[in-house]
N, C-alpha and C. Protein backbone atom coordinates (compact mmCIF):
# COMPACT_ATOMS: atom_id res chain seq x y z
N UNK A 1 -11.31 8.22 -8.82
CA UNK A 1 -10.04 7.86 -8.78
C UNK A 1 -9.05 8.02 -7.39
N UNK A 2 -8.65 7.19 -6.47
CA UNK A 2 -7.99 7.45 -5.34
C UNK A 2 -6.21 8.05 -5.79
N UNK A 3 -5.81 8.53 -5.17
CA UNK A 3 -4.33 8.74 -5.32
C UNK A 3 -3.44 7.72 -5.13
N UNK A 4 -3.97 6.64 -4.57
CA UNK A 4 -3.06 5.63 -4.07
C UNK A 4 -3.59 4.58 -5.19
N UNK A 5 -4.35 4.92 -6.13
CA UNK A 5 -4.77 3.55 -7.18
C UNK A 5 -3.60 2.89 -7.92
N UNK A 6 -2.49 3.52 -8.22
CA UNK A 6 -1.42 2.75 -8.61
C UNK A 6 -0.57 2.01 -7.81
N UNK A 7 -0.58 2.15 -6.40
CA UNK A 7 -0.29 1.22 -5.43
C UNK A 7 -0.99 -0.13 -5.48
N UNK A 8 -2.24 0.10 -5.38
CA UNK A 8 -3.08 -1.01 -5.27
C UNK A 8 -2.87 -1.54 -6.38
N UNK A 9 -3.24 -1.23 -7.72
CA UNK A 9 -2.42 -1.78 -8.80
C UNK A 9 -1.53 -2.63 -8.96
N UNK A 10 -0.71 -1.94 -8.36
CA UNK A 10 1.12 -2.94 -8.62
C UNK A 10 0.67 -4.00 -7.43
N UNK A 11 0.12 -3.81 -6.31
CA UNK A 11 -0.20 -5.00 -5.41
C UNK A 11 -0.95 -6.28 -6.24
N UNK A 12 -2.05 -5.86 -6.65
CA UNK A 12 -3.15 -6.78 -7.30
C UNK A 12 -2.09 -7.32 -8.90
N UNK A 13 -1.41 -6.51 -9.52
CA UNK A 13 -0.66 -7.35 -10.59
C UNK A 13 0.41 -8.09 -10.24
N UNK A 14 1.32 -8.05 -9.36
CA UNK A 14 2.13 -8.86 -8.53
C UNK A 14 1.53 -10.20 -8.18
N UNK A 15 0.59 -10.32 -7.46
CA UNK A 15 -0.23 -11.10 -6.85
C UNK A 15 0.47 -12.02 -5.76
N UNK A 16 1.30 -11.34 -4.83
CA UNK A 16 2.01 -12.32 -3.95
C UNK A 16 0.99 -11.95 -2.64
N UNK A 17 1.30 -12.85 -1.90
CA UNK A 17 0.46 -13.53 -0.77
C UNK A 17 0.56 -11.98 0.27
N UNK A 18 1.85 -11.45 0.29
CA UNK A 18 2.31 -10.47 1.18
C UNK A 18 3.51 -9.87 0.80
N UNK A 19 3.22 -8.45 1.41
CA UNK A 19 4.03 -7.58 1.03
C UNK A 19 4.57 -6.97 2.15
N UNK A 20 5.72 -6.71 2.01
CA UNK A 20 6.38 -5.65 3.10
C UNK A 20 7.21 -4.53 2.25
N UNK A 21 6.54 -3.32 2.37
CA UNK A 21 7.01 -2.30 1.63
C UNK A 21 7.70 -1.14 2.36
N UNK A 22 8.80 -0.75 2.13
CA UNK A 22 9.22 0.39 2.83
C UNK A 22 8.45 1.74 2.20
N UNK A 23 8.24 2.92 3.23
CA UNK A 23 7.54 3.96 2.43
C UNK A 23 8.53 4.56 1.12
N UNK A 24 9.63 4.38 1.12
CA UNK A 24 10.60 4.65 -0.29
C UNK A 24 10.12 3.64 -1.20
N UNK A 25 9.82 2.50 -0.93
CA UNK A 25 9.04 1.75 -2.21
C UNK A 25 8.02 2.14 -2.57
N UNK A 26 7.18 2.75 -1.78
CA UNK A 26 5.73 3.01 -1.87
C UNK A 26 5.90 4.31 -2.68
N UNK A 27 6.67 5.23 -2.56
CA UNK A 27 7.22 6.58 -3.00
C UNK A 27 7.35 6.17 -4.59
N UNK A 28 8.15 5.15 -4.79
CA UNK A 28 8.62 4.98 -6.15
C UNK A 28 7.60 4.36 -7.10
N UNK A 29 6.79 3.65 -6.15
CA UNK A 29 5.43 3.43 -6.96
C UNK A 29 4.69 4.26 -7.04
N UNK A 30 4.14 5.05 -6.35
CA UNK A 30 3.09 6.35 -6.52
C UNK A 30 3.94 7.63 -7.04
N UNK A 31 5.21 7.66 -6.76
CA UNK A 31 5.69 9.19 -7.48
C UNK A 31 5.48 10.12 -6.45
N UNK A 32 5.05 9.97 -5.30
CA UNK A 32 5.09 10.93 -4.33
C UNK A 32 4.78 10.28 -2.88
N UNK A 33 5.43 10.54 -1.83
CA UNK A 33 5.66 10.27 -0.56
C UNK A 33 4.15 10.05 -0.05
N UNK A 34 3.85 8.79 0.62
CA UNK A 34 2.49 8.56 1.17
C UNK A 34 2.41 9.91 2.61
N UNK A 35 1.35 10.27 2.92
CA UNK A 35 0.90 11.06 4.09
C UNK A 35 -0.26 10.45 4.65
N UNK A 36 -0.61 11.25 5.51
CA UNK A 36 -1.75 10.96 6.69
C UNK A 36 -3.16 10.45 5.78
N UNK A 37 -3.34 10.86 4.54
CA UNK A 37 -4.32 10.51 4.05
C UNK A 37 -4.56 8.93 3.73
N UNK A 38 -3.30 8.37 3.57
CA UNK A 38 -3.12 7.20 3.51
C UNK A 38 -4.33 6.28 4.45
N UNK A 39 -4.20 6.69 5.68
CA UNK A 39 -4.73 6.04 6.74
C UNK A 39 -6.45 6.07 6.58
N UNK A 40 -6.53 6.74 5.73
CA UNK A 40 -8.45 6.91 5.28
C UNK A 40 -8.19 6.01 3.99
N UNK A 41 -7.48 6.08 3.36
CA UNK A 41 -7.68 5.17 1.90
C UNK A 41 -7.05 4.03 2.00
N UNK A 42 -6.54 3.35 3.01
CA UNK A 42 -5.94 2.10 2.89
C UNK A 42 -7.17 1.26 2.93
N UNK A 43 -8.63 1.42 3.47
CA UNK A 43 -9.52 0.33 3.04
C UNK A 43 -10.10 0.35 1.39
N UNK A 44 -9.24 1.20 0.75
CA UNK A 44 -9.71 0.82 -0.65
C UNK A 44 -9.06 -0.44 -1.34
N UNK A 45 -7.89 -0.54 -0.47
CA UNK A 45 -6.91 -2.24 -1.21
C UNK A 45 -7.89 -3.38 -0.97
N UNK A 46 -8.82 -3.07 -0.15
CA UNK A 46 -9.71 -4.30 -0.70
C UNK A 46 -10.61 -5.05 -1.80
N UNK A 47 -10.67 -3.58 -2.26
CA UNK A 47 -10.95 -3.59 -3.66
C UNK A 47 -10.12 -4.53 -4.62
N UNK A 48 -8.89 -4.51 -4.35
CA UNK A 48 -7.82 -4.63 -5.26
C UNK A 48 -7.27 -6.06 -4.86
N UNK A 49 -8.18 -6.53 -3.95
CA UNK A 49 -7.79 -7.74 -3.39
C UNK A 49 -6.71 -7.82 -2.03
N UNK A 50 -6.28 -6.94 -1.39
CA UNK A 50 -5.47 -6.91 -0.57
C UNK A 50 -6.22 -6.05 0.75
N UNK A 51 -5.55 -6.41 1.93
CA UNK A 51 -5.69 -5.44 3.01
C UNK A 51 -4.71 -5.05 3.69
N UNK A 52 -4.48 -3.79 4.06
CA UNK A 52 -3.49 -3.12 4.88
C UNK A 52 -3.20 -3.92 6.26
N UNK A 53 -2.01 -4.29 6.63
CA UNK A 53 -1.77 -4.83 7.74
C UNK A 53 -1.08 -4.01 8.69
N UNK A 54 0.05 -4.27 9.43
CA UNK A 54 1.12 -3.20 10.03
C UNK A 54 1.84 -2.24 9.56
N UNK A 55 1.71 -0.74 10.21
CA UNK A 55 1.95 0.10 9.64
C UNK A 55 2.77 0.52 10.83
N UNK A 56 4.25 0.56 10.53
CA UNK A 56 5.24 0.92 11.25
C UNK A 56 6.06 2.06 10.85
N UNK A 57 5.53 3.25 11.37
CA UNK A 57 6.11 4.64 11.42
C UNK A 57 7.75 4.68 11.91
N UNK A 58 8.08 3.68 12.79
CA UNK A 58 9.53 3.59 13.29
C UNK A 58 10.46 3.03 12.26
N UNK A 59 9.87 2.09 11.44
CA UNK A 59 10.80 1.26 10.61
C UNK A 59 10.48 1.70 9.12
N UNK A 60 9.22 2.43 8.96
CA UNK A 60 8.88 3.15 7.90
C UNK A 60 8.79 1.84 6.60
N UNK A 61 7.64 1.18 7.36
CA UNK A 61 7.48 -0.06 6.62
C UNK A 61 5.74 -0.10 6.81
N UNK A 62 5.25 -0.77 5.57
CA UNK A 62 3.63 -1.19 5.73
C UNK A 62 3.77 -2.62 5.02
N UNK A 63 3.01 -3.38 5.82
CA UNK A 63 2.93 -5.00 5.19
C UNK A 63 1.29 -4.87 4.55
N UNK A 64 1.13 -5.80 3.40
CA UNK A 64 0.04 -5.69 2.97
C UNK A 64 0.07 -7.41 2.73
N UNK A 65 -1.52 -7.63 2.75
CA UNK A 65 -1.89 -8.89 2.84
C UNK A 65 -2.70 -9.35 1.86
N UNK A 66 -2.72 -10.43 1.11
CA UNK A 66 -3.75 -10.93 0.00
C UNK A 66 -4.91 -11.25 0.77
N UNK A 67 -6.07 -11.04 0.25
CA UNK A 67 -7.36 -11.59 0.95
C UNK A 67 -8.02 -12.44 0.05
C-alpha cells in the first residue's frame, strides 16, 4: 500500500474531471505533507483513474485530471 493511497481514493470517490489542490489541502487529505517521494508515486494515480498534471512548487498547487 502506498502512503499516498488515501489521496488517490479521495480523487476517485469525488469523481471530478479535474482537481486543483493546494499542498495544504493534500496535507489535510493525507494527514502529512507531501515530499519528494510524491514525484515517484504520482504514477500510482492512474490505477485510480487519474493522472497528475502540473505541479507548481511556487504556487504550492497540483492539478489532477481524470483519464
